[in-house]
Structures are given as C-alpha cells and as structure tokens.
Amino acid sequence: KTMPKPLIDFIKFHELGHYFYKGEGNESEKKCDLFAGAVMLSIGYNPSQIAWAQKSSLSEHKEARERKQHVYSHIQNAF
C-alpha cells in the first residue's frame, strides 16, 4: 500500500505475464516486462511512468540492465 501505483501495477502485470510467457531465464523475463509495459500503456500510463516503474523494480545487475534497456527501447516508440 505504500508503494507508488505505477510500481505496483508494473510488478502485478509482469507477474501476470508469466502465465502467458513460460520459460526460464532472461528472455522470459524480458517478455513479461514488455507485457507489463503494453498493458500499462493500454490503461493510460505514459512511457516515462513505465520506464520508472521497471527501473524501480529491478536491481543494477547486468541482466537487469539489459531488461531495462530492452523495455525502454520498445516503450519509447509507443506514441
């Protein structure tokens, strides 16, 4: 309840994405991140809110940085 709504929604939609995108590793995680971003766009979030939510939910490990860049490159061109 204390986390900002975009962060809660990103995590919630990312986890829902695992229902559709099964598998292991970073590729599955990237697909779930994109799914979360697409759902958030469809309900009215803007790309900067999505990028912020994803960045806030991930660490700074190499795989996490790759995921952040992957989503950002797709979301920034959404409009």
PDB file of N, CA and C in Angstrom:
ATOM      1  N   LYS A   1       0.811  -1.206   0.000  1.00  0.00           N
ATOM      2  CA  LYS A   1       0.000   0.000   0.000  1.00  0.00           C
ATOM      3  C   LYS A   1       0.849   1.263   0.000  1.00  0.00           C
ATOM      4  N   THR A   2       2.095   1.159   0.378  1.00  0.00           N
ATOM      5  CA  THR A   2       2.931   2.347   0.450  1.00  0.00           C
ATOM      6  C   THR A   2       3.720   2.581  -0.831  1.00  0.00           C
ATOM      7  N   MET A   3       3.723   1.618  -1.737  1.00  0.00           N
ATOM      8  CA  MET A   3       4.459   1.779  -2.997  1.00  0.00           C
ATOM      9  C   MET A   3       3.621   2.587  -3.985  1.00  0.00           C
ATOM     10  N   PRO A   4       4.254   3.360  -4.862  1.00  0.00           N
ATOM     11  CA  PRO A   4       3.511   4.124  -5.870  1.00  0.00           C
ATOM     12  C   PRO A   4       2.747   3.188  -6.822  1.00  0.00           C
ATOM     13  N   LYS A   5       1.595   3.633  -7.261  1.00  0.00           N
ATOM     14  CA  LYS A   5       0.723   2.809  -8.110  1.00  0.00           C
ATOM     15  C   LYS A   5       1.406   2.308  -9.381  1.00  0.00           C
ATOM     16  N   PRO A   6       2.198   3.116 -10.093  1.00  0.00           N
ATOM     17  CA  PRO A   6       2.849   2.569 -11.292  1.00  0.00           C
ATOM     18  C   PRO A   6       3.765   1.388 -10.976  1.00  0.00           C
ATOM     19  N   LEU A   7       4.422   1.430  -9.848  1.00  0.00           N
ATOM     20  CA  LEU A   7       5.308   0.334  -9.457  1.00  0.00           C
ATOM     21  C   LEU A   7       4.501  -0.920  -9.127  1.00  0.00           C
ATOM     22  N   ILE A   8       3.438  -0.756  -8.383  1.00  0.00           N
ATOM     23  CA  ILE A   8       2.564  -1.886  -8.060  1.00  0.00           C
ATOM     24  C   ILE A   8       2.009  -2.505  -9.335  1.00  0.00           C
ATOM     25  N   ASP A   9       1.533  -1.664 -10.246  1.00  0.00           N
ATOM     26  CA  ASP A   9       0.952  -2.177 -11.489  1.00  0.00           C
ATOM     27  C   ASP A   9       1.994  -2.870 -12.356  1.00  0.00           C
ATOM     28  N   PHE A  10       3.197  -2.311 -12.430  1.00  0.00           N
ATOM     29  CA  PHE A  10       4.221  -2.963 -13.244  1.00  0.00           C
ATOM     30  C   PHE A  10       4.528  -4.360 -12.714  1.00  0.00           C
ATOM     31  N   ILE A  11       4.706  -4.471 -11.421  1.00  0.00           N
ATOM     32  CA  ILE A  11       5.002  -5.782 -10.822  1.00  0.00           C
ATOM     33  C   ILE A  11       3.840  -6.746 -11.038  1.00  0.00           C
ATOM     34  N   LYS A  12       2.635  -6.259 -10.812  1.00  0.00           N
ATOM     35  CA  LYS A  12       1.448  -7.101 -10.970  1.00  0.00           C
ATOM     36  C   LYS A  12       1.319  -7.604 -12.405  1.00  0.00           C
ATOM     37  N   PHE A  13       1.473  -6.730 -13.376  1.00  0.00           N
ATOM     38  CA  PHE A  13       1.328  -7.140 -14.777  1.00  0.00           C
ATOM     39  C   PHE A  13       2.508  -7.989 -15.241  1.00  0.00           C
ATOM     40  N   HIS A  14       3.689  -7.721 -14.710  1.00  0.00           N
ATOM     41  CA  HIS A  14       4.846  -8.563 -15.035  1.00  0.00           C
ATOM     42  C   HIS A  14       4.580  -9.996 -14.565  1.00  0.00           C
ATOM     43  N   GLU A  15       4.117 -10.134 -13.348  1.00  0.00           N
ATOM     44  CA  GLU A  15       3.844 -11.478 -12.819  1.00  0.00           C
ATOM     45  C   GLU A  15       2.717 -12.158 -13.592  1.00  0.00           C
ATOM     46  N   LEU A  16       1.719 -11.414 -14.000  1.00  0.00           N
ATOM     47  CA  LEU A  16       0.661 -11.975 -14.851  1.00  0.00           C
ATOM     48  C   LEU A  16       1.241 -12.449 -16.179  1.00  0.00           C
ATOM     49  N   GLY A  17       2.225 -11.745 -16.688  1.00  0.00           N
ATOM     50  CA  GLY A  17       2.876 -12.137 -17.931  1.00  0.00           C
ATOM     51  C   GLY A  17       3.476 -13.535 -17.866  1.00  0.00           C
ATOM     52  N   HIS A  18       3.870 -13.974 -16.680  1.00  0.00           N
ATOM     53  CA  HIS A  18       4.426 -15.322 -16.547  1.00  0.00           C
ATOM     54  C   HIS A  18       3.388 -16.397 -16.869  1.00  0.00           C
ATOM     55  N   TYR A  19       2.122 -16.071 -16.767  1.00  0.00           N
ATOM     56  CA  TYR A  19       1.070 -17.012 -17.168  1.00  0.00           C
ATOM     57  C   TYR A  19       1.142 -17.262 -18.677  1.00  0.00           C
ATOM     58  N   PHE A  20       1.440 -16.237 -19.437  1.00  0.00           N
ATOM     59  CA  PHE A  20       1.483 -16.333 -20.891  1.00  0.00           C
ATOM     60  C   PHE A  20       2.863 -16.708 -21.423  1.00  0.00           C
ATOM     61  N   TYR A  21       3.900 -16.265 -20.757  1.00  0.00           N
ATOM     62  CA  TYR A  21       5.276 -16.463 -21.224  1.00  0.00           C
ATOM     63  C   TYR A  21       6.038 -17.341 -20.252  1.00  0.00           C
ATOM     64  N   LYS A  22       5.887 -18.611 -20.454  1.00  0.00           N
ATOM     65  CA  LYS A  22       6.580 -19.563 -19.596  1.00  0.00           C
ATOM     66  C   LYS A  22       8.000 -19.765 -20.117  1.00  0.00           C
ATOM     67  N   GLY A  23       8.845 -20.241 -19.292  1.00  0.00           N
ATOM     68  CA  GLY A  23      10.216 -20.462 -19.689  1.00  0.00           C
ATOM     69  C   GLY A  23      11.143 -20.015 -18.588  1.00  0.00           C
ATOM     70  N   GLU A  24      12.393 -20.116 -18.875  1.00  0.00           N
ATOM     71  CA  GLU A  24      13.386 -19.755 -17.881  1.00  0.00           C
ATOM     72  C   GLU A  24      14.324 -18.701 -18.439  1.00  0.00           C
ATOM     73  N   GLY A  25      14.927 -18.000 -17.539  1.00  0.00           N
ATOM     74  CA  GLY A  25      15.971 -17.087 -17.943  1.00  0.00           C
ATOM     75  C   GLY A  25      15.504 -15.694 -18.299  1.00  0.00           C
ATOM     76  N   ASN A  26      16.457 -14.945 -18.797  1.00  0.00           N
ATOM     77  CA  ASN A  26      16.261 -13.531 -19.068  1.00  0.00           C
ATOM     78  C   ASN A  26      15.268 -13.278 -20.207  1.00  0.00           C
ATOM     79  N   GLU A  27      15.200 -14.158 -21.190  1.00  0.00           N
ATOM     80  CA  GLU A  27      14.272 -13.938 -22.310  1.00  0.00           C
ATOM     81  C   GLU A  27      12.820 -13.968 -21.842  1.00  0.00           C
ATOM     82  N   SER A  28      12.494 -14.897 -20.972  1.00  0.00           N
ATOM     83  CA  SER A  28      11.147 -14.942 -20.407  1.00  0.00           C
ATOM     84  C   SER A  28      10.857 -13.673 -19.605  1.00  0.00           C
ATOM     85  N   GLU A  29      11.839 -13.225 -18.844  1.00  0.00           N
ATOM     86  CA  GLU A  29      11.669 -12.013 -18.047  1.00  0.00           C
ATOM     87  C   GLU A  29      11.466 -10.788 -18.938  1.00  0.00           C
ATOM     88  N   LYS A  30      12.201 -10.707 -20.036  1.00  0.00           N
ATOM     89  CA  LYS A  30      12.032  -9.589 -20.973  1.00  0.00           C
ATOM     90  C   LYS A  30      10.627  -9.577 -21.559  1.00  0.00           C
ATOM     91  N   LYS A  31      10.117 -10.751 -21.909  1.00  0.00           N
ATOM     92  CA  LYS A  31       8.762 -10.827 -22.465  1.00  0.00           C
ATOM     93  C   LYS A  31       7.732 -10.382 -21.434  1.00  0.00           C
ATOM     94  N   CYS A  32       7.927 -10.777 -20.194  1.00  0.00           N
ATOM     95  CA  CYS A  32       6.994 -10.368 -19.139  1.00  0.00           C
ATOM     96  C   CYS A  32       7.084  -8.871 -18.877  1.00  0.00           C
ATOM     97  N   ASP A  33       8.286  -8.313 -18.970  1.00  0.00           N
ATOM     98  CA  ASP A  33       8.444  -6.859 -18.835  1.00  0.00           C
ATOM     99  C   ASP A  33       7.704  -6.133 -19.956  1.00  0.00           C
ATOM    100  N   LEU A  34       7.851  -6.617 -21.183  1.00  0.00           N
ATOM    101  CA  LEU A  34       7.160  -5.988 -22.314  1.00  0.00           C
ATOM    102  C   LEU A  34       5.649  -6.125 -22.176  1.00  0.00           C
ATOM    103  N   PHE A  35       5.200  -7.280 -21.709  1.00  0.00           N
ATOM    104  CA  PHE A  35       3.772  -7.481 -21.480  1.00  0.00           C
ATOM    105  C   PHE A  35       3.260  -6.450 -20.473  1.00  0.00           C
ATOM    106  N   ALA A  36       3.987  -6.297 -19.370  1.00  0.00           N
ATOM    107  CA  ALA A  36       3.589  -5.324 -18.353  1.00  0.00           C
ATOM    108  C   ALA A  36       3.540  -3.919 -18.938  1.00  0.00           C
ATOM    109  N   GLY A  37       4.546  -3.572 -19.717  1.00  0.00           N
ATOM    110  CA  GLY A  37       4.567  -2.249 -20.337  1.00  0.00           C
ATOM    111  C   GLY A  37       3.415  -2.034 -21.295  1.00  0.00           C
ATOM    112  N   ALA A  38       3.093  -3.055 -22.086  1.00  0.00           N
ATOM    113  CA  ALA A  38       1.985  -2.935 -23.045  1.00  0.00           C
ATOM    114  C   ALA A  38       0.654  -2.773 -22.331  1.00  0.00           C
ATOM    115  N   VAL A  39       0.450  -3.526 -21.277  1.00  0.00           N
ATOM    116  CA  VAL A  39      -0.796  -3.398 -20.515  1.00  0.00           C
ATOM    117  C   VAL A  39      -0.875  -2.006 -19.886  1.00  0.00           C
ATOM    118  N   MET A  40       0.236  -1.552 -19.328  1.00  0.00           N
ATOM    119  CA  MET A  40       0.225  -0.233 -18.709  1.00  0.00           C
ATOM    120  C   MET A  40      -0.061   0.863 -19.729  1.00  0.00           C
ATOM    121  N   LEU A  41       0.509   0.749 -20.918  1.00  0.00           N
ATOM    122  CA  LEU A  41       0.183   1.721 -21.980  1.00  0.00           C
ATOM    123  C   LEU A  41      -1.299   1.694 -22.303  1.00  0.00           C
ATOM    124  N   SER A  42      -1.850   0.501 -22.377  1.00  0.00           N
ATOM    125  CA  SER A  42      -3.265   0.373 -22.767  1.00  0.00           C
ATOM    126  C   SER A  42      -4.223   0.941 -21.724  1.00  0.00           C
ATOM    127  N   ILE A  43      -3.785   1.033 -20.476  1.00  0.00           N
ATOM    128  CA  ILE A  43      -4.676   1.590 -19.452  1.00  0.00           C
ATOM    129  C   ILE A  43      -4.346   3.039 -19.107  1.00  0.00           C
ATOM    130  N   GLY A  44      -3.412   3.636 -19.866  1.00  0.00           N
ATOM    131  CA  GLY A  44      -3.211   5.070 -19.732  1.00  0.00           C
ATOM    132  C   GLY A  44      -1.900   5.552 -19.162  1.00  0.00           C
ATOM    133  N   TYR A  45      -1.010   4.661 -18.796  1.00  0.00           N
ATOM    134  CA  TYR A  45       0.298   5.113 -18.327  1.00  0.00           C
ATOM    135  C   TYR A  45       1.109   5.617 -19.511  1.00  0.00           C
ATOM    136  N   ASN A  46       2.014   6.544 -19.260  1.00  0.00           N
ATOM    137  CA  ASN A  46       2.888   7.015 -20.336  1.00  0.00           C
ATOM    138  C   ASN A  46       4.236   6.289 -20.254  1.00  0.00           C
ATOM    139  N   PRO A  47       5.017   6.334 -21.330  1.00  0.00           N
ATOM    140  CA  PRO A  47       6.287   5.604 -21.351  1.00  0.00           C
ATOM    141  C   PRO A  47       7.243   5.949 -20.210  1.00  0.00           C
ATOM    142  N   SER A  48       7.276   7.200 -19.782  1.00  0.00           N
ATOM    143  CA  SER A  48       8.200   7.544 -18.699  1.00  0.00           C
ATOM    144  C   SER A  48       7.768   6.908 -17.376  1.00  0.00           C
ATOM    145  N   GLN A  49       6.474   6.788 -17.144  1.00  0.00           N
ATOM    146  CA  GLN A  49       5.999   6.123 -15.930  1.00  0.00           C
ATOM    147  C   GLN A  49       6.362   4.636 -15.954  1.00  0.00           C
ATOM    148  N   ILE A  50       6.239   4.034 -17.118  1.00  0.00           N
ATOM    149  CA  ILE A  50       6.558   2.612 -17.255  1.00  0.00           C
ATOM    150  C   ILE A  50       8.053   2.391 -17.052  1.00  0.00           C
ATOM    151  N   ALA A  51       8.866   3.214 -17.679  1.00  0.00           N
ATOM    152  CA  ALA A  51      10.317   3.083 -17.529  1.00  0.00           C
ATOM    153  C   ALA A  51      10.721   3.285 -16.077  1.00  0.00           C
ATOM    154  N   TRP A  52      10.124   4.255 -15.405  1.00  0.00           N
ATOM    155  CA  TRP A  52      10.432   4.496 -13.999  1.00  0.00           C
ATOM    156  C   TRP A  52      10.046   3.288 -13.145  1.00  0.00           C
ATOM    157  N   ALA A  53       8.855   2.735 -13.393  1.00  0.00           N
ATOM    158  CA  ALA A  53       8.386   1.591 -12.601  1.00  0.00           C
ATOM    159  C   ALA A  53       9.289   0.384 -12.794  1.00  0.00           C
ATOM    160  N   GLN A  54       9.683   0.129 -14.032  1.00  0.00           N
ATOM    161  CA  GLN A  54      10.562  -1.015 -14.272  1.00  0.00           C
ATOM    162  C   GLN A  54      11.918  -0.778 -13.621  1.00  0.00           C
ATOM    163  N   LYS A  55      12.458   0.407 -13.789  1.00  0.00           N
ATOM    164  CA  LYS A  55      13.759   0.724 -13.198  1.00  0.00           C
ATOM    165  C   LYS A  55      13.712   0.589 -11.679  1.00  0.00           C
ATOM    166  N   SER A  56      12.624   1.009 -11.086  1.00  0.00           N
ATOM    167  CA  SER A  56      12.494   0.956  -9.629  1.00  0.00           C
ATOM    168  C   SER A  56      12.323  -0.458  -9.103  1.00  0.00           C
ATOM    169  N   SER A  57      11.880  -1.361  -9.963  1.00  0.00           N
ATOM    170  CA  SER A  57      11.616  -2.720  -9.501  1.00  0.00           C
ATOM    171  C   SER A  57      12.794  -3.662  -9.719  1.00  0.00           C
ATOM    172  N   LEU A  58      13.823  -3.221 -10.441  1.00  0.00           N
ATOM    173  CA  LEU A  58      14.951  -4.090 -10.763  1.00  0.00           C
ATOM    174  C   LEU A  58      16.245  -3.608 -10.129  1.00  0.00           C
ATOM    175  N   SER A  59      17.156  -4.533  -9.969  1.00  0.00           N
ATOM    176  CA  SER A  59      18.471  -4.214  -9.419  1.00  0.00           C
ATOM    177  C   SER A  59      19.367  -3.627 -10.511  1.00  0.00           C
ATOM    178  N   GLU A  60      20.623  -3.516 -10.217  1.00  0.00           N
ATOM    179  CA  GLU A  60      21.592  -2.999 -11.190  1.00  0.00           C
ATOM    180  C   GLU A  60      22.499  -4.093 -11.751  1.00  0.00           C
ATOM    181  N   HIS A  61      22.106  -5.358 -11.614  1.00  0.00           N
ATOM    182  CA  HIS A  61      22.887  -6.448 -12.208  1.00  0.00           C
ATOM    183  C   HIS A  61      22.851  -6.339 -13.724  1.00  0.00           C
ATOM    184  N   LYS A  62      23.791  -6.980 -14.376  1.00  0.00           N
ATOM    185  CA  LYS A  62      23.897  -6.909 -15.836  1.00  0.00           C
ATOM    186  C   LYS A  62      22.597  -7.323 -16.528  1.00  0.00           C
ATOM    187  N   GLU A  63      21.991  -8.440 -16.088  1.00  0.00           N
ATOM    188  CA  GLU A  63      20.757  -8.910 -16.707  1.00  0.00           C
ATOM    189  C   GLU A  63      19.634  -7.901 -16.522  1.00  0.00           C
ATOM    190  N   ALA A  64      19.582  -7.281 -15.360  1.00  0.00           N
ATOM    191  CA  ALA A  64      18.545  -6.287 -15.090  1.00  0.00           C
ATOM    192  C   ALA A  64      18.744  -5.063 -15.979  1.00  0.00           C
ATOM    193  N   ARG A  65      19.986  -4.646 -16.166  1.00  0.00           N
ATOM    194  CA  ARG A  65      20.252  -3.504 -17.051  1.00  0.00           C
ATOM    195  C   ARG A  65      19.828  -3.822 -18.478  1.00  0.00           C
ATOM    196  N   GLU A  66      20.070  -5.046 -18.934  1.00  0.00           N
ATOM    197  CA  GLU A  66      19.644  -5.455 -20.270  1.00  0.00           C
ATOM    198  C   GLU A  66      18.125  -5.409 -20.395  1.00  0.00           C
ATOM    199  N   ARG A  67      17.434  -5.874 -19.365  1.00  0.00           N
ATOM    200  CA  ARG A  67      15.964  -5.844 -19.379  1.00  0.00           C
ATOM    201  C   ARG A  67      15.444  -4.415 -19.421  1.00  0.00           C
ATOM    202  N   LYS A  68      16.057  -3.533 -18.642  1.00  0.00           N
ATOM    203  CA  LYS A  68      15.632  -2.133 -18.632  1.00  0.00           C
ATOM    204  C   LYS A  68      15.785  -1.519 -20.017  1.00  0.00           C
ATOM    205  N   GLN A  69      16.909  -1.766 -20.650  1.00  0.00           N
ATOM    206  CA  GLN A  69      17.155  -1.206 -21.983  1.00  0.00           C
ATOM    207  C   GLN A  69      16.203  -1.801 -23.011  1.00  0.00           C
ATOM    208  N   HIS A  70      15.911  -3.087 -22.896  1.00  0.00           N
ATOM    209  CA  HIS A  70      15.016  -3.767 -23.831  1.00  0.00           C
ATOM    210  C   HIS A  70      13.619  -3.136 -23.789  1.00  0.00           C
ATOM    211  N   VAL A  71      13.089  -2.973 -22.600  1.00  0.00           N
ATOM    212  CA  VAL A  71      11.753  -2.382 -22.472  1.00  0.00           C
ATOM    213  C   VAL A  71      11.774  -0.929 -22.905  1.00  0.00           C
ATOM    214  N   TYR A  72      12.778  -0.181 -22.475  1.00  0.00           N
ATOM    215  CA  TYR A  72      12.843   1.240 -22.829  1.00  0.00           C
ATOM    216  C   TYR A  72      12.870   1.428 -24.329  1.00  0.00           C
ATOM    217  N   SER A  73      13.624   0.589 -25.043  1.00  0.00           N
ATOM    218  CA  SER A  73      13.717   0.738 -26.493  1.00  0.00           C
ATOM    219  C   SER A  73      12.376   0.455 -27.175  1.00  0.00           C
ATOM    220  N   HIS A  74      11.551  -0.379 -26.584  1.00  0.00           N
ATOM    221  CA  HIS A  74      10.235  -0.660 -27.180  1.00  0.00           C
ATOM    222  C   HIS A  74       9.193   0.371 -26.752  1.00  0.00           C
ATOM    223  N   ILE A  75       9.228   0.771 -25.503  1.00  0.00           N
ATOM    224  CA  ILE A  75       8.217   1.681 -24.960  1.00  0.00           C
ATOM    225  C   ILE A  75       8.396   3.103 -25.459  1.00  0.00           C
ATOM    226  N   GLN A  76       9.616   3.565 -25.636  1.00  0.00           N
ATOM    227  CA  GLN A  76       9.849   4.954 -26.035  1.00  0.00           C
ATOM    228  C   GLN A  76       9.227   5.277 -27.383  1.00  0.00           C
ATOM    229  N   ASN A  77       9.026   4.278 -28.219  1.00  0.00           N
ATOM    230  CA  ASN A  77       8.442   4.487 -29.545  1.00  0.00           C
ATOM    231  C   ASN A  77       6.947   4.164 -29.558  1.00  0.00           C
ATOM    232  N   ALA A  78       6.340   4.095 -28.404  1.00  0.00           N
ATOM    233  CA  ALA A  78       4.938   3.686 -28.324  1.00  0.00           C
ATOM    234  C   ALA A  78       3.971   4.750 -28.856  1.00  0.00           C
ATOM    235  N   PHE A  79       4.410   5.995 -28.863  1.00  0.00           N
ATOM    236  CA  PHE A  79       3.499   7.057 -29.324  1.00  0.00           C
ATOM    237  C   PHE A  79       3.866   7.527 -30.699  1.00  0.00           C
TER     238      PHE A  79
END
